[in-house]
Amino acid sequence: MTSELPTKSRDELWTLLVDTVHALPMYKSHKRFVEEGMIKETPEITSKELAVQLNVTIGEATVMLYELRAGKHPTETTPAATNPPPKTNDRSLFDFTK
């Protein structure tokens, strides 16, 4: 049985995935590698194929391809980038990796 998530829930999950992927230590290096080489050689590569070739998660590959194909800077994909930063005592561990 499959059920569709409401749009708001999907948006929240996408934001969570993007934030999680951006916190990965090797994400910027992986993205640069794909942008400078792999995407030019195989522009129609799928997330699953990219994940296998880079040995990364499908989530990381999906976010990477979305950002590269949309031509957006990573901060444009998350609405949190437009909000003022929270106070230090209100921040989580992931806030300090940005």
PDB file of N, CA and C in Angstrom:
ATOM      1  N   MET A   1       0.842  -1.177   0.000  1.00  0.00           N
ATOM      2  CA  MET A   1       0.000   0.000   0.000  1.00  0.00           C
ATOM      3  C   MET A   1       0.883   1.234   0.000  1.00  0.00           C
ATOM      4  N   THR A   2       0.726   2.073  -0.991  1.00  0.00           N
ATOM      5  CA  THR A   2       1.494   3.309  -1.042  1.00  0.00           C
ATOM      6  C   THR A   2       0.560   4.480  -0.850  1.00  0.00           C
ATOM      7  N   SER A   3       1.043   5.474  -0.144  1.00  0.00           N
ATOM      8  CA  SER A   3       0.241   6.673   0.046  1.00  0.00           C
ATOM      9  C   SER A   3       1.084   7.889  -0.286  1.00  0.00           C
ATOM     10  N   GLU A   4       0.448   8.848  -0.856  1.00  0.00           N
ATOM     11  CA  GLU A   4       1.121  10.089  -1.213  1.00  0.00           C
ATOM     12  C   GLU A   4       1.198  10.981   0.025  1.00  0.00           C
ATOM     13  N   LEU A   5       2.363  11.575   0.234  1.00  0.00           N
ATOM     14  CA  LEU A   5       2.512  12.533   1.316  1.00  0.00           C
ATOM     15  C   LEU A   5       1.919  13.866   0.892  1.00  0.00           C
ATOM     16  N   PRO A   6       1.333  14.595   1.836  1.00  0.00           N
ATOM     17  CA  PRO A   6       0.873  15.946   1.500  1.00  0.00           C
ATOM     18  C   PRO A   6       2.066  16.805   1.064  1.00  0.00           C
ATOM     19  N   THR A   7       1.804  17.802   0.263  1.00  0.00           N
ATOM     20  CA  THR A   7       2.865  18.649  -0.277  1.00  0.00           C
ATOM     21  C   THR A   7       3.724  19.238   0.829  1.00  0.00           C
ATOM     22  N   LYS A   8       3.119  19.699   1.903  1.00  0.00           N
ATOM     23  CA  LYS A   8       3.876  20.304   3.000  1.00  0.00           C
ATOM     24  C   LYS A   8       4.848  19.289   3.591  1.00  0.00           C
ATOM     25  N   SER A   9       4.419  18.055   3.774  1.00  0.00           N
ATOM     26  CA  SER A   9       5.292  17.018   4.313  1.00  0.00           C
ATOM     27  C   SER A   9       6.437  16.712   3.365  1.00  0.00           C
ATOM     28  N   ARG A  10       6.164  16.680   2.060  1.00  0.00           N
ATOM     29  CA  ARG A  10       7.219  16.440   1.076  1.00  0.00           C
ATOM     30  C   ARG A  10       8.234  17.570   1.097  1.00  0.00           C
ATOM     31  N   ASP A  11       7.754  18.809   1.206  1.00  0.00           N
ATOM     32  CA  ASP A  11       8.662  19.955   1.272  1.00  0.00           C
ATOM     33  C   ASP A  11       9.541  19.887   2.510  1.00  0.00           C
ATOM     34  N   GLU A  12       8.955  19.499   3.623  1.00  0.00           N
ATOM     35  CA  GLU A  12       9.715  19.376   4.866  1.00  0.00           C
ATOM     36  C   GLU A  12      10.757  18.265   4.756  1.00  0.00           C
ATOM     37  N   LEU A  13      10.380  17.140   4.153  1.00  0.00           N
ATOM     38  CA  LEU A  13      11.328  16.045   3.968  1.00  0.00           C
ATOM     39  C   LEU A  13      12.453  16.435   3.018  1.00  0.00           C
ATOM     40  N   TRP A  14      12.119  17.162   1.942  1.00  0.00           N
ATOM     41  CA  TRP A  14      13.148  17.606   0.999  1.00  0.00           C
ATOM     42  C   TRP A  14      14.130  18.551   1.705  1.00  0.00           C
ATOM     43  N   THR A  15      13.608  19.488   2.483  1.00  0.00           N
ATOM     44  CA  THR A  15      14.468  20.419   3.221  1.00  0.00           C
ATOM     45  C   THR A  15      15.365  19.660   4.188  1.00  0.00           C
ATOM     46  N   LEU A  16      14.824  18.676   4.866  1.00  0.00           N
ATOM     47  CA  LEU A  16      15.605  17.860   5.793  1.00  0.00           C
ATOM     48  C   LEU A  16      16.698  17.095   5.048  1.00  0.00           C
ATOM     49  N   LEU A  17      16.365  16.518   3.897  1.00  0.00           N
ATOM     50  CA  LEU A  17      17.356  15.798   3.105  1.00  0.00           C
ATOM     51  C   LEU A  17      18.471  16.734   2.644  1.00  0.00           C
ATOM     52  N   VAL A  18      18.116  17.895   2.131  1.00  0.00           N
ATOM     53  CA  VAL A  18      19.120  18.853   1.653  1.00  0.00           C
ATOM     54  C   VAL A  18      20.028  19.287   2.794  1.00  0.00           C
ATOM     55  N   ASP A  19      19.449  19.620   3.944  1.00  0.00           N
ATOM     56  CA  ASP A  19      20.257  20.025   5.097  1.00  0.00           C
ATOM     57  C   ASP A  19      21.203  18.912   5.537  1.00  0.00           C
ATOM     58  N   THR A  20      20.712  17.687   5.525  1.00  0.00           N
ATOM     59  CA  THR A  20      21.531  16.539   5.919  1.00  0.00           C
ATOM     60  C   THR A  20      22.678  16.319   4.935  1.00  0.00           C
ATOM     61  N   VAL A  21      22.378  16.387   3.657  1.00  0.00           N
ATOM     62  CA  VAL A  21      23.405  16.189   2.631  1.00  0.00           C
ATOM     63  C   VAL A  21      24.449  17.299   2.694  1.00  0.00           C
ATOM     64  N   HIS A  22      24.014  18.535   2.885  1.00  0.00           N
ATOM     65  CA  HIS A  22      24.966  19.647   2.975  1.00  0.00           C
ATOM     66  C   HIS A  22      25.885  19.520   4.186  1.00  0.00           C
ATOM     67  N   ALA A  23      25.479  18.784   5.198  1.00  0.00           N
ATOM     68  CA  ALA A  23      26.304  18.595   6.390  1.00  0.00           C
ATOM     69  C   ALA A  23      27.355  17.496   6.216  1.00  0.00           C
ATOM     70  N   LEU A  24      27.265  16.725   5.134  1.00  0.00           N
ATOM     71  CA  LEU A  24      28.238  15.656   4.903  1.00  0.00           C
ATOM     72  C   LEU A  24      29.606  16.256   4.578  1.00  0.00           C
ATOM     73  N   PRO A  25      30.668  15.754   5.208  1.00  0.00           N
ATOM     74  CA  PRO A  25      31.998  16.342   5.020  1.00  0.00           C
ATOM     75  C   PRO A  25      32.505  16.343   3.580  1.00  0.00           C
ATOM     76  N   MET A  26      32.165  15.335   2.806  1.00  0.00           N
ATOM     77  CA  MET A  26      32.695  15.225   1.446  1.00  0.00           C
ATOM     78  C   MET A  26      31.743  15.764   0.369  1.00  0.00           C
ATOM     79  N   TYR A  27      30.609  16.320   0.770  1.00  0.00           N
ATOM     80  CA  TYR A  27      29.607  16.731  -0.212  1.00  0.00           C
ATOM     81  C   TYR A  27      30.150  17.733  -1.226  1.00  0.00           C
ATOM     82  N   LYS A  28      30.821  18.774  -0.755  1.00  0.00           N
ATOM     83  CA  LYS A  28      31.324  19.797  -1.677  1.00  0.00           C
ATOM     84  C   LYS A  28      32.334  19.213  -2.659  1.00  0.00           C
ATOM     85  N   SER A  29      33.183  18.319  -2.181  1.00  0.00           N
ATOM     86  CA  SER A  29      34.166  17.681  -3.067  1.00  0.00           C
ATOM     87  C   SER A  29      33.487  16.784  -4.089  1.00  0.00           C
ATOM     88  N   HIS A  30      32.523  16.004  -3.629  1.00  0.00           N
ATOM     89  CA  HIS A  30      31.780  15.130  -4.545  1.00  0.00           C
ATOM     90  C   HIS A  30      31.064  15.963  -5.609  1.00  0.00           C
ATOM     91  N   LYS A  31      30.420  17.033  -5.177  1.00  0.00           N
ATOM     92  CA  LYS A  31      29.664  17.864  -6.107  1.00  0.00           C
ATOM     93  C   LYS A  31      30.591  18.503  -7.139  1.00  0.00           C
ATOM     94  N   ARG A  32      31.732  18.996  -6.689  1.00  0.00           N
ATOM     95  CA  ARG A  32      32.695  19.604  -7.619  1.00  0.00           C
ATOM     96  C   ARG A  32      33.185  18.571  -8.636  1.00  0.00           C
ATOM     97  N   PHE A  33      33.475  17.361  -8.163  1.00  0.00           N
ATOM     98  CA  PHE A  33      33.933  16.293  -9.049  1.00  0.00           C
ATOM     99  C   PHE A  33      32.885  15.970 -10.108  1.00  0.00           C
ATOM    100  N   VAL A  34      31.637  15.867  -9.691  1.00  0.00           N
ATOM    101  CA  VAL A  34      30.554  15.564 -10.632  1.00  0.00           C
ATOM    102  C   VAL A  34      30.360  16.722 -11.605  1.00  0.00           C
ATOM    103  N   GLU A  35      30.389  17.938 -11.094  1.00  0.00           N
ATOM    104  CA  GLU A  35      30.174  19.118 -11.929  1.00  0.00           C
ATOM    105  C   GLU A  35      31.273  19.285 -12.982  1.00  0.00           C
ATOM    106  N   GLU A  36      32.502  19.040 -12.600  1.00  0.00           N
ATOM    107  CA  GLU A  36      33.626  19.271 -13.501  1.00  0.00           C
ATOM    108  C   GLU A  36      33.887  18.119 -14.475  1.00  0.00           C
ATOM    109  N   GLY A  37      33.365  16.939 -14.185  1.00  0.00           N
ATOM    110  CA  GLY A  37      33.674  15.824 -15.067  1.00  0.00           C
ATOM    111  C   GLY A  37      32.512  14.932 -15.414  1.00  0.00           C
ATOM    112  N   MET A  38      31.953  14.285 -14.425  1.00  0.00           N
ATOM    113  CA  MET A  38      30.958  13.243 -14.681  1.00  0.00           C
ATOM    114  C   MET A  38      29.716  13.759 -15.405  1.00  0.00           C
ATOM    115  N   ILE A  39      29.220  14.915 -15.013  1.00  0.00           N
ATOM    116  CA  ILE A  39      27.979  15.418 -15.602  1.00  0.00           C
ATOM    117  C   ILE A  39      28.190  15.809 -17.070  1.00  0.00           C
ATOM    118  N   LYS A  40      29.422  16.184 -17.409  1.00  0.00           N
ATOM    119  CA  LYS A  40      29.722  16.531 -18.809  1.00  0.00           C
ATOM    120  C   LYS A  40      29.832  15.274 -19.663  1.00  0.00           C
ATOM    121  N   GLU A  41      30.375  14.212 -19.084  1.00  0.00           N
ATOM    122  CA  GLU A  41      30.522  12.955 -19.809  1.00  0.00           C
ATOM    123  C   GLU A  41      29.203  12.216 -19.939  1.00  0.00           C
ATOM    124  N   THR A  42      28.398  12.254 -18.889  1.00  0.00           N
ATOM    125  CA  THR A  42      27.123  11.532 -18.861  1.00  0.00           C
ATOM    126  C   THR A  42      26.037  12.464 -18.328  1.00  0.00           C
ATOM    127  N   PRO A  43      25.537  13.386 -19.156  1.00  0.00           N
ATOM    128  CA  PRO A  43      24.569  14.372 -18.661  1.00  0.00           C
ATOM    129  C   PRO A  43      23.235  13.777 -18.210  1.00  0.00           C
ATOM    130  N   GLU A  44      22.876  12.608 -18.693  1.00  0.00           N
ATOM    131  CA  GLU A  44      21.592  11.997 -18.336  1.00  0.00           C
ATOM    132  C   GLU A  44      21.729  10.942 -17.236  1.00  0.00           C
ATOM    133  N   ILE A  45      22.795  10.993 -16.467  1.00  0.00           N
ATOM    134  CA  ILE A  45      23.010  10.007 -15.411  1.00  0.00           C
ATOM    135  C   ILE A  45      21.897  10.099 -14.369  1.00  0.00           C
ATOM    136  N   THR A  46      21.493   8.963 -13.841  1.00  0.00           N
ATOM    137  CA  THR A  46      20.441   8.940 -12.822  1.00  0.00           C
ATOM    138  C   THR A  46      21.079   9.012 -11.430  1.00  0.00           C
ATOM    139  N   SER A  47      20.249   9.294 -10.448  1.00  0.00           N
ATOM    140  CA  SER A  47      20.731   9.347  -9.066  1.00  0.00           C
ATOM    141  C   SER A  47      21.292   8.004  -8.622  1.00  0.00           C
ATOM    142  N   LYS A  48      20.621   6.932  -9.007  1.00  0.00           N
ATOM    143  CA  LYS A  48      21.089   5.600  -8.613  1.00  0.00           C
ATOM    144  C   LYS A  48      22.434   5.281  -9.241  1.00  0.00           C
ATOM    145  N   GLU A  49      22.595   5.601 -10.520  1.00  0.00           N
ATOM    146  CA  GLU A  49      23.872   5.347 -11.186  1.00  0.00           C
ATOM    147  C   GLU A  49      24.990   6.174 -10.563  1.00  0.00           C
ATOM    148  N   LEU A  50      24.700   7.428 -10.283  1.00  0.00           N
ATOM    149  CA  LEU A  50      25.699   8.302  -9.676  1.00  0.00           C
ATOM    150  C   LEU A  50      26.074   7.812  -8.282  1.00  0.00           C
ATOM    151  N   ALA A  51      25.088   7.383  -7.517  1.00  0.00           N
ATOM    152  CA  ALA A  51      25.348   6.879  -6.171  1.00  0.00           C
ATOM    153  C   ALA A  51      26.273   5.668  -6.207  1.00  0.00           C
ATOM    154  N   VAL A  52      26.054   4.774  -7.152  1.00  0.00           N
ATOM    155  CA  VAL A  52      26.893   3.583  -7.280  1.00  0.00           C
ATOM    156  C   VAL A  52      28.309   3.967  -7.698  1.00  0.00           C
ATOM    157  N   GLN A  53      28.435   4.853  -8.674  1.00  0.00           N
ATOM    158  CA  GLN A  53      29.752   5.229  -9.179  1.00  0.00           C
ATOM    159  C   GLN A  53      30.577   5.996  -8.151  1.00  0.00           C
ATOM    160  N   LEU A  54      29.921   6.838  -7.348  1.00  0.00           N
ATOM    161  CA  LEU A  54      30.643   7.623  -6.336  1.00  0.00           C
ATOM    162  C   LEU A  54      30.705   6.938  -4.972  1.00  0.00           C
ATOM    163  N   ASN A  55      29.941   5.854  -4.829  1.00  0.00           N
ATOM    164  CA  ASN A  55      29.822   5.176  -3.540  1.00  0.00           C
ATOM    165  C   ASN A  55      29.283   6.129  -2.467  1.00  0.00           C
ATOM    166  N   VAL A  56      28.169   6.792  -2.811  1.00  0.00           N
ATOM    167  CA  VAL A  56      27.477   7.689  -1.890  1.00  0.00           C
ATOM    168  C   VAL A  56      26.022   7.239  -1.794  1.00  0.00           C
ATOM    169  N   THR A  57      25.273   7.871  -0.921  1.00  0.00           N
ATOM    170  CA  THR A  57      23.861   7.523  -0.788  1.00  0.00           C
ATOM    171  C   THR A  57      23.062   8.076  -1.965  1.00  0.00           C
ATOM    172  N   ILE A  58      21.916   7.480  -2.192  1.00  0.00           N
ATOM    173  CA  ILE A  58      21.031   7.974  -3.249  1.00  0.00           C
ATOM    174  C   ILE A  58      20.544   9.372  -2.899  1.00  0.00           C
ATOM    175  N   GLY A  59      20.358   9.646  -1.630  1.00  0.00           N
ATOM    176  CA  GLY A  59      19.943  10.981  -1.205  1.00  0.00           C
ATOM    177  C   GLY A  59      20.963  12.038  -1.590  1.00  0.00           C
ATOM    178  N   GLU A  60      22.240  11.759  -1.336  1.00  0.00           N
ATOM    179  CA  GLU A  60      23.293  12.710  -1.706  1.00  0.00           C
ATOM    180  C   GLU A  60      23.331  12.896  -3.219  1.00  0.00           C
ATOM    181  N   ALA A  61      23.246  11.816  -3.957  1.00  0.00           N
ATOM    182  CA  ALA A  61      23.276  11.893  -5.420  1.00  0.00           C
ATOM    183  C   ALA A  61      22.071  12.668  -5.952  1.00  0.00           C
ATOM    184  N   THR A  62      20.917  12.472  -5.357  1.00  0.00           N
ATOM    185  CA  THR A  62      19.704  13.160  -5.799  1.00  0.00           C
ATOM    186  C   THR A  62      19.826  14.664  -5.591  1.00  0.00           C
ATOM    187  N   VAL A  63      20.266  15.067  -4.407  1.00  0.00           N
ATOM    188  CA  VAL A  63      20.427  16.500  -4.118  1.00  0.00           C
ATOM    189  C   VAL A  63      21.475  17.109  -5.043  1.00  0.00           C
ATOM    190  N   MET A  64      22.574  16.401  -5.224  1.00  0.00           N
ATOM    191  CA  MET A  64      23.655  16.883  -6.074  1.00  0.00           C
ATOM    192  C   MET A  64      23.162  17.127  -7.504  1.00  0.00           C
ATOM    193  N   LEU A  65      22.497  16.151  -8.073  1.00  0.00           N
ATOM    194  CA  LEU A  65      21.999  16.289  -9.447  1.00  0.00           C
ATOM    195  C   LEU A  65      20.946  17.381  -9.553  1.00  0.00           C
ATOM    196  N   TYR A  66      20.084  17.474  -8.563  1.00  0.00           N
ATOM    197  CA  TYR A  66      19.064  18.525  -8.573  1.00  0.00           C
ATOM    198  C   TYR A  66      19.721  19.898  -8.615  1.00  0.00           C
ATOM    199  N   GLU A  67      20.705  20.104  -7.750  1.00  0.00           N
ATOM    200  CA  GLU A  67      21.366  21.405  -7.680  1.00  0.00           C
ATOM    201  C   GLU A  67      22.166  21.700  -8.949  1.00  0.00           C
ATOM    202  N   LEU A  68      22.852  20.711  -9.481  1.00  0.00           N
ATOM    203  CA  LEU A  68      23.651  20.925 -10.680  1.00  0.00           C
ATOM    204  C   LEU A  68      22.777  21.163 -11.913  1.00  0.00           C
ATOM    205  N   ARG A  69      21.712  20.417 -12.033  1.00  0.00           N
ATOM    206  CA  ARG A  69      20.839  20.567 -13.200  1.00  0.00           C
ATOM    207  C   ARG A  69      19.981  21.821 -13.125  1.00  0.00           C
ATOM    208  N   ALA A  70      19.627  22.236 -11.929  1.00  0.00           N
ATOM    209  CA  ALA A  70      18.832  23.450 -11.767  1.00  0.00           C
ATOM    210  C   ALA A  70      19.720  24.688 -11.849  1.00  0.00           C
ATOM    211  N   GLY A  71      21.041  24.490 -11.738  1.00  0.00           N
ATOM    212  CA  GLY A  71      21.967  25.605 -11.805  1.00  0.00           C
ATOM    213  C   GLY A  71      21.867  26.522 -10.615  1.00  0.00           C
ATOM    214  N   LYS A  72      21.466  25.964  -9.483  1.00  0.00           N
ATOM    215  CA  LYS A  72      21.282  26.771  -8.287  1.00  0.00           C
ATOM    216  C   LYS A  72      22.435  26.569  -7.324  1.00  0.00           C
ATOM    217  N   HIS A  73      22.705  27.610  -6.594  1.00  0.00           N
ATOM    218  CA  HIS A  73      23.662  27.519  -5.505  1.00  0.00           C
ATOM    219  C   HIS A  73      22.972  26.762  -4.376  1.00  0.00           C
ATOM    220  N   PRO A  74      23.685  25.932  -3.615  1.00  0.00           N
ATOM    221  CA  PRO A  74      23.052  25.125  -2.570  1.00  0.00           C
ATOM    222  C   PRO A  74      22.187  25.913  -1.601  1.00  0.00           C
ATOM    223  N   THR A  75      22.537  27.148  -1.285  1.00  0.00           N
ATOM    224  CA  THR A  75      21.750  27.900  -0.315  1.00  0.00           C
ATOM    225  C   THR A  75      20.402  28.316  -0.874  1.00  0.00           C
ATOM    226  N   GLU A  76      20.236  28.294  -2.194  1.00  0.00           N
ATOM    227  CA  GLU A  76      18.958  28.658  -2.784  1.00  0.00           C
ATOM    228  C   GLU A  76      17.931  27.540  -2.679  1.00  0.00           C
ATOM    229  N   THR A  77      18.354  26.337  -2.335  1.00  0.00           N
ATOM    230  CA  THR A  77      17.412  25.224  -2.276  1.00  0.00           C
ATOM    231  C   THR A  77      16.743  25.097  -0.919  1.00  0.00           C
ATOM    232  N   THR A  78      17.286  25.781   0.090  1.00  0.00           N
ATOM    233  CA  THR A  78      16.710  25.672   1.417  1.00  0.00           C
ATOM    234  C   THR A  78      16.131  27.001   1.855  1.00  0.00           C
ATOM    235  N   PRO A  79      14.882  27.022   2.288  1.00  0.00           N
ATOM    236  CA  PRO A  79      14.289  28.271   2.744  1.00  0.00           C
ATOM    237  C   PRO A  79      14.966  28.808   3.997  1.00  0.00           C
ATOM    238  N   ALA A  80      15.663  27.980   4.750  1.00  0.00           N
ATOM    239  CA  ALA A  80      16.314  28.423   5.981  1.00  0.00           C
ATOM    240  C   ALA A  80      17.398  29.456   5.703  1.00  0.00           C
ATOM    241  N   ALA A  81      17.911  29.490   4.472  1.00  0.00           N
ATOM    242  CA  ALA A  81      18.986  30.419   4.137  1.00  0.00           C
ATOM    243  C   ALA A  81      18.516  31.869   4.184  1.00  0.00           C
ATOM    244  N   THR A  82      17.217  32.121   4.045  1.00  0.00           N
ATOM    245  CA  THR A  82      16.712  33.488   4.072  1.00  0.00           C
ATOM    246  C   THR A  82      16.366  33.944   5.473  1.00  0.00           C
ATOM    247  N   ASN A  83      16.302  33.037   6.420  1.00  0.00           N
ATOM    248  CA  ASN A  83      15.985  33.386   7.792  1.00  0.00           C
ATOM    249  C   ASN A  83      17.234  33.854   8.518  1.00  0.00           C
ATOM    250  N   PRO A  84      17.079  34.757   9.505  1.00  0.00           N
ATOM    251  CA  PRO A  84      18.254  35.167  10.272  1.00  0.00           C
ATOM    252  C   PRO A  84      18.773  33.994  11.089  1.00  0.00           C
ATOM    253  N   PRO A  85      20.079  33.939  11.342  1.00  0.00           N
ATOM    254  CA  PRO A  85      20.621  32.811  12.099  1.00  0.00           C
ATOM    255  C   PRO A  85      20.077  32.798  13.522  1.00  0.00           C
ATOM    256  N   PRO A  86      19.835  31.606  14.068  1.00  0.00           N
ATOM    257  CA  PRO A  86      19.321  31.519  15.432  1.00  0.00           C
ATOM    258  C   PRO A  86      20.406  31.895  16.437  1.00  0.00           C
ATOM    259  N   LYS A  87      19.975  32.185  17.647  1.00  0.00           N
ATOM    260  CA  LYS A  87      20.933  32.474  18.708  1.00  0.00           C
ATOM    261  C   LYS A  87      21.764  31.221  18.959  1.00  0.00           C
ATOM    262  N   THR A  88      22.971  31.404  19.445  1.00  0.00           N
ATOM    263  CA  THR A  88      23.883  30.281  19.634  1.00  0.00           C
ATOM    264  C   THR A  88      23.293  29.200  20.527  1.00  0.00           C
ATOM    265  N   ASN A  89      22.618  29.582  21.599  1.00  0.00           N
ATOM    266  CA  ASN A  89      22.083  28.573  22.503  1.00  0.00           C
ATOM    267  C   ASN A  89      20.852  27.867  21.947  1.00  0.00           C
ATOM    268  N   ASP A  90      20.284  28.359  20.825  1.00  0.00           N
ATOM    269  CA  ASP A  90      19.131  27.728  20.182  1.00  0.00           C
ATOM    270  C   ASP A  90      19.528  26.875  18.993  1.00  0.00           C
ATOM    271  N   ARG A  91      20.823  26.742  18.740  1.00  0.00           N
ATOM    272  CA  ARG A  91      21.281  26.048  17.540  1.00  0.00           C
ATOM    273  C   ARG A  91      21.554  24.571  17.827  1.00  0.00           C
ATOM    274  N   SER A  92      21.361  23.772  16.781  1.00  0.00           N
ATOM    275  CA  SER A  92      21.661  22.356  16.895  1.00  0.00           C
ATOM    276  C   SER A  92      23.046  22.117  16.306  1.00  0.00           C
ATOM    277  N   LEU A  93      23.529  20.896  16.395  1.00  0.00           N
ATOM    278  CA  LEU A  93      24.828  20.544  15.862  1.00  0.00           C
ATOM    279  C   LEU A  93      24.927  20.814  14.371  1.00  0.00           C
ATOM    280  N   PHE A  94      23.838  20.573  13.620  1.00  0.00           N
ATOM    281  CA  PHE A  94      23.847  20.781  12.181  1.00  0.00           C
ATOM    282  C   PHE A  94      23.966  22.256  11.813  1.00  0.00           C
ATOM    283  N   ASP A  95      23.504  23.161  12.681  1.00  0.00           N
ATOM    284  CA  ASP A  95      23.608  24.587  12.396  1.00  0.00           C
ATOM    285  C   ASP A  95      25.057  25.055  12.382  1.00  0.00           C
ATOM    286  N   PHE A  96      25.922  24.383  13.123  1.00  0.00           N
ATOM    287  CA  PHE A  96      27.308  24.797  13.205  1.00  0.00           C
ATOM    288  C   PHE A  96      28.150  24.311  12.033  1.00  0.00           C
ATOM    289  N   THR A  97      27.586  23.480  11.174  1.00  0.00           N
ATOM    290  CA  THR A  97      28.330  22.962  10.025  1.00  0.00           C
ATOM    291  C   THR A  97      28.105  23.815   8.785  1.00  0.00           C
ATOM    292  N   LYS A  98      27.271  24.816   8.874  1.00  0.00           N
ATOM    293  CA  LYS A  98      26.960  25.652   7.704  1.00  0.00           C
ATOM    294  C   LYS A  98      27.992  26.751   7.567  1.00  0.00           C
TER     295      LYS A  98
END
